[in-house]
Amino acid sequence: MKEGIIKRWMIGKNYGFIGVDGMEKEIFVHLSDVKSKEALHEGQKVKFDIENTPKGPRAVNVEVVE
């Protein structure tokens, strides 16, 4: 699993982007891929797996790191 920080979260649209050290692009994350099913907030630390999709990398199995 990788770790990163929520850089942007689109309230009402249920998606955002995770920044990861050493990666140039931010990783897309959708609320449906968050294990707790609770909206994330900018600045939260998370761990996740990456799934490659036709639109680019996507975070899955996302968990908030306490």
PDB file of N, CA and C in Angstrom:
ATOM      1  N   MET A   1       0.849  -1.193   0.000  1.00  0.00           N
ATOM      2  CA  MET A   1       0.000   0.000   0.000  1.00  0.00           C
ATOM      3  C   MET A   1       0.889   1.250   0.000  1.00  0.00           C
ATOM      4  N   LYS A   2       0.401   2.269  -0.660  1.00  0.00           N
ATOM      5  CA  LYS A   2       1.080   3.566  -0.687  1.00  0.00           C
ATOM      6  C   LYS A   2       0.425   4.483   0.336  1.00  0.00           C
ATOM      7  N   GLU A   3       1.135   5.535   0.706  1.00  0.00           N
ATOM      8  CA  GLU A   3       0.585   6.555   1.589  1.00  0.00           C
ATOM      9  C   GLU A   3       0.652   7.893   0.895  1.00  0.00           C
ATOM     10  N   GLY A   4      -0.314   8.760   1.204  1.00  0.00           N
ATOM     11  CA  GLY A   4      -0.339  10.087   0.627  1.00  0.00           C
ATOM     12  C   GLY A   4      -1.232  11.011   1.440  1.00  0.00           C
ATOM     13  N   ILE A   5      -1.377  12.229   0.938  1.00  0.00           N
ATOM     14  CA  ILE A   5      -2.164  13.271   1.593  1.00  0.00           C
ATOM     15  C   ILE A   5      -3.265  13.724   0.632  1.00  0.00           C
ATOM     16  N   ILE A   6      -4.477  13.893   1.151  1.00  0.00           N
ATOM     17  CA  ILE A   6      -5.562  14.422   0.324  1.00  0.00           C
ATOM     18  C   ILE A   6      -5.228  15.879  -0.017  1.00  0.00           C
ATOM     19  N   LYS A   7      -5.034  16.153  -1.293  1.00  0.00           N
ATOM     20  CA  LYS A   7      -4.700  17.498  -1.756  1.00  0.00           C
ATOM     21  C   LYS A   7      -5.948  18.310  -2.078  1.00  0.00           C
ATOM     22  N   ARG A   8      -6.933  17.645  -2.675  1.00  0.00           N
ATOM     23  CA  ARG A   8      -8.189  18.320  -3.024  1.00  0.00           C
ATOM     24  C   ARG A   8      -9.329  17.346  -2.821  1.00  0.00           C
ATOM     25  N   TRP A   9     -10.449  17.851  -2.295  1.00  0.00           N
ATOM     26  CA  TRP A   9     -11.656  17.034  -2.167  1.00  0.00           C
ATOM     27  C   TRP A   9     -12.829  17.876  -2.619  1.00  0.00           C
ATOM     28  N   MET A  10     -13.577  17.400  -3.608  1.00  0.00           N
ATOM     29  CA  MET A  10     -14.706  18.116  -4.175  1.00  0.00           C
ATOM     30  C   MET A  10     -15.971  17.754  -3.399  1.00  0.00           C
ATOM     31  N   ILE A  11     -16.316  18.604  -2.449  1.00  0.00           N
ATOM     32  CA  ILE A  11     -17.506  18.378  -1.627  1.00  0.00           C
ATOM     33  C   ILE A  11     -18.731  18.374  -2.532  1.00  0.00           C
ATOM     34  N   GLY A  12     -19.603  17.420  -2.348  1.00  0.00           N
ATOM     35  CA  GLY A  12     -20.806  17.303  -3.163  1.00  0.00           C
ATOM     36  C   GLY A  12     -20.613  16.471  -4.423  1.00  0.00           C
ATOM     37  N   LYS A  13     -19.353  16.312  -4.846  1.00  0.00           N
ATOM     38  CA  LYS A  13     -19.086  15.493  -6.033  1.00  0.00           C
ATOM     39  C   LYS A  13     -18.467  14.153  -5.649  1.00  0.00           C
ATOM     40  N   ASN A  14     -18.053  14.045  -4.382  1.00  0.00           N
ATOM     41  CA  ASN A  14     -17.540  12.791  -3.821  1.00  0.00           C
ATOM     42  C   ASN A  14     -16.278  12.253  -4.475  1.00  0.00           C
ATOM     43  N   TYR A  15     -15.395  13.136  -4.894  1.00  0.00           N
ATOM     44  CA  TYR A  15     -14.093  12.688  -5.381  1.00  0.00           C
ATOM     45  C   TYR A  15     -13.035  13.729  -5.063  1.00  0.00           C
ATOM     46  N   GLY A  16     -11.783  13.294  -5.200  1.00  0.00           N
ATOM     47  CA  GLY A  16     -10.680  14.208  -4.941  1.00  0.00           C
ATOM     48  C   GLY A  16      -9.391  13.632  -5.488  1.00  0.00           C
ATOM     49  N   PHE A  17      -8.281  14.176  -4.990  1.00  0.00           N
ATOM     50  CA  PHE A  17      -6.970  13.779  -5.483  1.00  0.00           C
ATOM     51  C   PHE A  17      -5.993  13.645  -4.323  1.00  0.00           C
ATOM     52  N   ILE A  18      -5.141  12.624  -4.411  1.00  0.00           N
ATOM     53  CA  ILE A  18      -4.149  12.328  -3.387  1.00  0.00           C
ATOM     54  C   ILE A  18      -2.774  12.677  -3.941  1.00  0.00           C
ATOM     55  N   GLY A  19      -1.998  13.399  -3.143  1.00  0.00           N
ATOM     56  CA  GLY A  19      -0.614  13.682  -3.485  1.00  0.00           C
ATOM     57  C   GLY A  19       0.289  12.653  -2.831  1.00  0.00           C
ATOM     58  N   VAL A  20       1.259  12.153  -3.585  1.00  0.00           N
ATOM     59  CA  VAL A  20       2.184  11.135  -3.078  1.00  0.00           C
ATOM     60  C   VAL A  20       3.605  11.623  -3.324  1.00  0.00           C
ATOM     61  N   ASP A  21       4.445  11.592  -2.283  1.00  0.00           N
ATOM     62  CA  ASP A  21       5.857  11.965  -2.445  1.00  0.00           C
ATOM     63  C   ASP A  21       6.505  11.098  -3.509  1.00  0.00           C
ATOM     64  N   GLY A  22       7.241  11.723  -4.395  1.00  0.00           N
ATOM     65  CA  GLY A  22       7.946  10.984  -5.434  1.00  0.00           C
ATOM     66  C   GLY A  22       7.130  10.724  -6.681  1.00  0.00           C
ATOM     67  N   MET A  23       5.831  11.074  -6.658  1.00  0.00           N
ATOM     68  CA  MET A  23       4.990  10.902  -7.839  1.00  0.00           C
ATOM     69  C   MET A  23       4.618  12.285  -8.375  1.00  0.00           C
ATOM     70  N   GLU A  24       4.802  12.452  -9.664  1.00  0.00           N
ATOM     71  CA  GLU A  24       4.533  13.737 -10.290  1.00  0.00           C
ATOM     72  C   GLU A  24       3.044  14.073 -10.324  1.00  0.00           C
ATOM     73  N   LYS A  25       2.232  13.097 -10.705  1.00  0.00           N
ATOM     74  CA  LYS A  25       0.791  13.313 -10.832  1.00  0.00           C
ATOM     75  C   LYS A  25       0.073  12.948  -9.545  1.00  0.00           C
ATOM     76  N   GLU A  26      -1.024  13.660  -9.277  1.00  0.00           N
ATOM     77  CA  GLU A  26      -1.882  13.293  -8.152  1.00  0.00           C
ATOM     78  C   GLU A  26      -2.747  12.107  -8.568  1.00  0.00           C
ATOM     79  N   ILE A  27      -3.193  11.317  -7.582  1.00  0.00           N
ATOM     80  CA  ILE A  27      -3.980  10.112  -7.837  1.00  0.00           C
ATOM     81  C   ILE A  27      -5.457  10.415  -7.572  1.00  0.00           C
ATOM     82  N   PHE A  28      -6.311  10.077  -8.517  1.00  0.00           N
ATOM     83  CA  PHE A  28      -7.756  10.259  -8.389  1.00  0.00           C
ATOM     84  C   PHE A  28      -8.305   9.310  -7.332  1.00  0.00           C
ATOM     85  N   VAL A  29      -9.257   9.797  -6.519  1.00  0.00           N
ATOM     86  CA  VAL A  29      -9.934   8.942  -5.542  1.00  0.00           C
ATOM     87  C   VAL A  29     -11.419   9.293  -5.524  1.00  0.00           C
ATOM     88  N   HIS A  30     -12.267   8.270  -5.528  1.00  0.00           N
ATOM     89  CA  HIS A  30     -13.714   8.457  -5.451  1.00  0.00           C
ATOM     90  C   HIS A  30     -14.204   7.901  -4.119  1.00  0.00           C
ATOM     91  N   LEU A  31     -15.237   8.502  -3.575  1.00  0.00           N
ATOM     92  CA  LEU A  31     -15.786   8.082  -2.289  1.00  0.00           C
ATOM     93  C   LEU A  31     -16.119   6.590  -2.268  1.00  0.00           C
ATOM     94  N   SER A  32     -16.533   6.026  -3.387  1.00  0.00           N
ATOM     95  CA  SER A  32     -16.884   4.598  -3.432  1.00  0.00           C
ATOM     96  C   SER A  32     -15.682   3.699  -3.155  1.00  0.00           C
ATOM     97  N   ASP A  33     -14.457   4.239  -3.262  1.00  0.00           N
ATOM     98  CA  ASP A  33     -13.243   3.466  -3.002  1.00  0.00           C
ATOM     99  C   ASP A  33     -12.674   3.701  -1.605  1.00  0.00           C
ATOM    100  N   VAL A  34     -13.399   4.483  -0.787  1.00  0.00           N
ATOM    101  CA  VAL A  34     -12.980   4.752   0.593  1.00  0.00           C
ATOM    102  C   VAL A  34     -13.677   3.734   1.492  1.00  0.00           C
ATOM    103  N   LYS A  35     -12.891   2.975   2.251  1.00  0.00           N
ATOM    104  CA  LYS A  35     -13.466   1.894   3.059  1.00  0.00           C
ATOM    105  C   LYS A  35     -14.505   2.380   4.055  1.00  0.00           C
ATOM    106  N   SER A  36     -14.307   3.562   4.679  1.00  0.00           N
ATOM    107  CA  SER A  36     -15.247   4.061   5.685  1.00  0.00           C
ATOM    108  C   SER A  36     -16.496   4.684   5.058  1.00  0.00           C
ATOM    109  N   LYS A  37     -16.458   4.959   3.762  1.00  0.00           N
ATOM    110  CA  LYS A  37     -17.555   5.604   3.013  1.00  0.00           C
ATOM    111  C   LYS A  37     -17.863   7.006   3.548  1.00  0.00           C
ATOM    112  N   GLU A  38     -16.901   7.604   4.283  1.00  0.00           N
ATOM    113  CA  GLU A  38     -17.045   8.973   4.767  1.00  0.00           C
ATOM    114  C   GLU A  38     -16.189   9.881   3.904  1.00  0.00           C
ATOM    115  N   ALA A  39     -16.697  11.079   3.628  1.00  0.00           N
ATOM    116  CA  ALA A  39     -15.967  12.041   2.817  1.00  0.00           C
ATOM    117  C   ALA A  39     -14.606  12.329   3.440  1.00  0.00           C
ATOM    118  N   LEU A  40     -13.625  12.536   2.595  1.00  0.00           N
ATOM    119  CA  LEU A  40     -12.284  12.860   3.045  1.00  0.00           C
ATOM    120  C   LEU A  40     -12.128  14.377   3.113  1.00  0.00           C
ATOM    121  N   HIS A  41     -11.056  14.819   3.736  1.00  0.00           N
ATOM    122  CA  HIS A  41     -10.806  16.250   3.897  1.00  0.00           C
ATOM    123  C   HIS A  41      -9.373  16.561   3.476  1.00  0.00           C
ATOM    124  N   GLU A  42      -9.176  17.732   2.926  1.00  0.00           N
ATOM    125  CA  GLU A  42      -7.841  18.144   2.522  1.00  0.00           C
ATOM    126  C   GLU A  42      -6.901  18.083   3.716  1.00  0.00           C
ATOM    127  N   GLY A  43      -5.723  17.521   3.488  1.00  0.00           N
ATOM    128  CA  GLY A  43      -4.721  17.404   4.534  1.00  0.00           C
ATOM    129  C   GLY A  43      -4.728  16.068   5.265  1.00  0.00           C
ATOM    130  N   GLN A  44      -5.774  15.248   5.071  1.00  0.00           N
ATOM    131  CA  GLN A  44      -5.817  13.942   5.729  1.00  0.00           C
ATOM    132  C   GLN A  44      -4.779  13.012   5.118  1.00  0.00           C
ATOM    133  N   LYS A  45      -4.145  12.209   5.975  1.00  0.00           N
ATOM    134  CA  LYS A  45      -3.193  11.207   5.506  1.00  0.00           C
ATOM    135  C   LYS A  45      -3.968   9.918   5.258  1.00  0.00           C
ATOM    136  N   VAL A  46      -3.708   9.291   4.117  1.00  0.00           N
ATOM    137  CA  VAL A  46      -4.408   8.066   3.744  1.00  0.00           C
ATOM    138  C   VAL A  46      -3.423   7.032   3.221  1.00  0.00           C
ATOM    139  N   LYS A  47      -3.848   5.756   3.276  1.00  0.00           N
ATOM    140  CA  LYS A  47      -3.098   4.688   2.617  1.00  0.00           C
ATOM    141  C   LYS A  47      -4.053   4.017   1.637  1.00  0.00           C
ATOM    142  N   PHE A  48      -3.497   3.478   0.558  1.00  0.00           N
ATOM    143  CA  PHE A  48      -4.338   2.996  -0.536  1.00  0.00           C
ATOM    144  C   PHE A  48      -3.537   2.132  -1.494  1.00  0.00           C
ATOM    145  N   ASP A  49      -4.249   1.416  -2.336  1.00  0.00           N
ATOM    146  CA  ASP A  49      -3.661   0.685  -3.459  1.00  0.00           C
ATOM    147  C   ASP A  49      -3.960   1.490  -4.717  1.00  0.00           C
ATOM    148  N   ILE A  50      -3.178   1.258  -5.758  1.00  0.00           N
ATOM    149  CA  ILE A  50      -3.390   1.957  -7.036  1.00  0.00           C
ATOM    150  C   ILE A  50      -3.873   0.958  -8.079  1.00  0.00           C
ATOM    151  N   GLU A  51      -4.945   1.335  -8.774  1.00  0.00           N
ATOM    152  CA  GLU A  51      -5.489   0.537  -9.873  1.00  0.00           C
ATOM    153  C   GLU A  51      -5.320   1.370 -11.146  1.00  0.00           C
ATOM    154  N   ASN A  52      -4.762   0.783 -12.184  1.00  0.00           N
ATOM    155  CA  ASN A  52      -4.628   1.483 -13.461  1.00  0.00           C
ATOM    156  C   ASN A  52      -5.918   1.340 -14.243  1.00  0.00           C
ATOM    157  N   THR A  53      -6.468   2.468 -14.688  1.00  0.00           N
ATOM    158  CA  THR A  53      -7.700   2.479 -15.460  1.00  0.00           C
ATOM    159  C   THR A  53      -7.431   3.168 -16.793  1.00  0.00           C
ATOM    160  N   PRO A  54      -8.346   3.078 -17.758  1.00  0.00           N
ATOM    161  CA  PRO A  54      -8.148   3.776 -19.038  1.00  0.00           C
ATOM    162  C   PRO A  54      -7.980   5.296 -18.876  1.00  0.00           C
ATOM    163  N   LYS A  55      -8.529   5.849 -17.791  1.00  0.00           N
ATOM    164  CA  LYS A  55      -8.412   7.293 -17.550  1.00  0.00           C
ATOM    165  C   LYS A  55      -7.179   7.654 -16.726  1.00  0.00           C
ATOM    166  N   GLY A  56      -6.425   6.645 -16.280  1.00  0.00           N
ATOM    167  CA  GLY A  56      -5.236   6.900 -15.480  1.00  0.00           C
ATOM    168  C   GLY A  56      -5.322   6.194 -14.137  1.00  0.00           C
ATOM    169  N   PRO A  57      -4.321   6.417 -13.268  1.00  0.00           N
ATOM    170  CA  PRO A  57      -4.312   5.733 -11.980  1.00  0.00           C
ATOM    171  C   PRO A  57      -5.453   6.187 -11.068  1.00  0.00           C
ATOM    172  N   ARG A  58      -5.959   5.236 -10.273  1.00  0.00           N
ATOM    173  CA  ARG A  58      -7.058   5.514  -9.356  1.00  0.00           C
ATOM    174  C   ARG A  58      -6.747   4.840  -8.018  1.00  0.00           C
ATOM    175  N   ALA A  59      -6.994   5.539  -6.908  1.00  0.00           N
ATOM    176  CA  ALA A  59      -6.786   4.969  -5.594  1.00  0.00           C
ATOM    177  C   ALA A  59      -7.978   4.079  -5.232  1.00  0.00           C
ATOM    178  N   VAL A  60      -7.681   2.887  -4.711  1.00  0.00           N
ATOM    179  CA  VAL A  60      -8.713   1.947  -4.251  1.00  0.00           C
ATOM    180  C   VAL A  60      -8.321   1.452  -2.857  1.00  0.00           C
ATOM    181  N   ASN A  61      -9.276   0.865  -2.150  1.00  0.00           N
ATOM    182  CA  ASN A  61      -9.031   0.369  -0.783  1.00  0.00           C
ATOM    183  C   ASN A  61      -8.444   1.461   0.097  1.00  0.00           C
ATOM    184  N   VAL A  62      -9.018   2.657   0.011  1.00  0.00           N
ATOM    185  CA  VAL A  62      -8.497   3.833   0.711  1.00  0.00           C
ATOM    186  C   VAL A  62      -8.889   3.807   2.179  1.00  0.00           C
ATOM    187  N   GLU A  63      -7.912   4.014   3.052  1.00  0.00           N
ATOM    188  CA  GLU A  63      -8.140   4.074   4.490  1.00  0.00           C
ATOM    189  C   GLU A  63      -7.460   5.326   5.049  1.00  0.00           C
ATOM    190  N   VAL A  64      -8.120   5.986   6.005  1.00  0.00           N
ATOM    191  CA  VAL A  64      -7.532   7.132   6.683  1.00  0.00           C
ATOM    192  C   VAL A  64      -6.505   6.609   7.683  1.00  0.00           C
ATOM    193  N   VAL A  65      -5.338   7.234   7.705  1.00  0.00           N
ATOM    194  CA  VAL A  65      -4.292   6.888   8.664  1.00  0.00           C
ATOM    195  C   VAL A  65      -4.461   7.807   9.862  1.00  0.00           C
ATOM    196  N   GLU A  66      -4.615   7.213  11.030  1.00  0.00           N
ATOM    197  CA  GLU A  66      -4.816   8.004  12.264  1.00  0.00           C
ATOM    198  C   GLU A  66      -3.528   8.638  12.721  1.00  0.00           C
TER     199      GLU A  66
END
